[in-house]
């Protein structure tokens, strides 16, 4: 699952319907990808980042939950401005 992407979507009020319409793909496809069943292609991730989250880094948004290191909150890098 892309926990950071989901968090930013919630903060900005962006829905999976919004993303599916923007990418011109089915809702189920976006749902499967956001939940980690399938991966986002680089071009999809880049388009989502540029259109919906220009102030967030690509690495932050599309970091998979199992890749997130256990760091103290104070040591985490600012990734959205």
Protein backbone atom coordinates (compact mmCIF):
# COMPACT_ATOMS: atom_id res chain seq x y z
CA UNK A 1 0.00 0.00 0.00
CA UNK A 2 1.12 3.55 -0.72
CA UNK A 3 0.46 4.99 2.73
CA UNK A 4 1.93 8.41 1.95
CA UNK A 5 -0.08 8.75 -1.25
CA UNK A 6 -3.28 7.86 0.62
CA UNK A 7 -2.45 10.38 3.36
CA UNK A 8 -1.86 13.18 0.86
CA UNK A 9 -5.03 12.26 -1.02
CA UNK A 10 -6.99 12.59 2.23
CA UNK A 11 -5.32 15.92 3.08
CA UNK A 12 -6.09 17.38 -0.32
CA UNK A 13 -9.53 15.79 -0.79
CA UNK A 14 -8.37 13.86 -3.86
CA UNK A 15 -10.33 10.67 -4.51
CA UNK A 16 -9.47 7.56 -6.47
CA UNK A 17 -12.22 8.61 -8.87
CA UNK A 18 -10.34 11.88 -9.48
CA UNK A 19 -7.15 9.98 -10.24
CA UNK A 20 -8.88 7.36 -12.40
CA UNK A 21 -10.57 10.07 -14.47
CA UNK A 22 -7.30 11.99 -14.83
CA UNK A 23 -5.40 8.87 -15.95
CA UNK A 24 -8.35 7.67 -18.04
CA UNK A 25 -8.36 4.24 -16.39
CA UNK A 26 -10.95 2.30 -14.41
CA UNK A 27 -11.54 3.09 -10.75
CA UNK A 28 -10.73 -0.55 -9.91
CA UNK A 29 -7.32 -0.18 -11.54
CA UNK A 30 -6.43 2.84 -9.42
CA UNK A 31 -7.84 1.15 -6.32
CA UNK A 32 -5.69 -1.93 -6.90
CA UNK A 33 -2.59 0.18 -7.48
CA UNK A 34 -3.07 2.48 -4.48
CA UNK A 35 -3.63 -0.57 -2.29
CA UNK A 36 -0.42 -2.18 -3.55
CA UNK A 37 -1.91 -5.06 -5.51
CA UNK A 38 -0.24 -3.75 -8.67
CA UNK A 39 2.44 -1.13 -9.19
CA UNK A 40 2.12 2.30 -10.72
CA UNK A 41 4.09 2.79 -13.90
CA UNK A 42 6.61 5.61 -13.74
CA UNK A 43 4.69 7.80 -16.20
CA UNK A 44 1.47 7.38 -14.16
CA UNK A 45 3.24 8.23 -10.91
CA UNK A 46 4.87 11.29 -12.47
CA UNK A 47 1.56 12.55 -13.90
CA UNK A 48 -0.19 12.08 -10.52
CA UNK A 49 2.59 13.88 -8.69
CA UNK A 50 2.72 16.82 -11.12
CA UNK A 51 -1.05 17.26 -11.39
CA UNK A 52 -2.27 16.59 -7.86
CA UNK A 53 0.76 16.89 -5.55
CA UNK A 54 3.34 19.27 -7.06
CA UNK A 55 4.80 20.09 -3.65
CA UNK A 56 5.52 16.45 -2.72
CA UNK A 57 8.44 14.37 -3.84
CA UNK A 58 7.84 11.38 -6.07
CA UNK A 59 9.87 9.20 -3.72
CA UNK A 60 7.69 10.16 -0.76
CA UNK A 61 4.35 9.69 -2.50
CA UNK A 62 5.16 6.30 -3.99
CA UNK A 63 7.15 4.78 -1.16
CA UNK A 64 5.57 1.42 -0.42
CA UNK A 65 4.63 0.69 3.17
CA UNK A 66 7.14 -2.15 3.45
CA UNK A 67 9.95 0.17 2.28
CA UNK A 68 9.41 2.78 4.99
CA UNK A 69 12.25 2.69 7.47
CA UNK A 70 11.55 2.98 11.15
CA UNK A 71 12.96 6.42 11.87
CA UNK A 72 12.13 8.84 14.64
CA UNK A 73 9.59 11.41 13.46
CA UNK A 74 12.12 14.16 14.17
CA UNK A 75 14.65 12.59 11.78
CA UNK A 76 12.26 12.30 8.82
CA UNK A 77 12.92 14.50 5.85
CA UNK A 78 10.38 17.14 4.80
CA UNK A 79 8.91 15.84 1.58
CA UNK A 80 5.91 18.11 0.95
CA UNK A 81 6.15 21.86 1.11
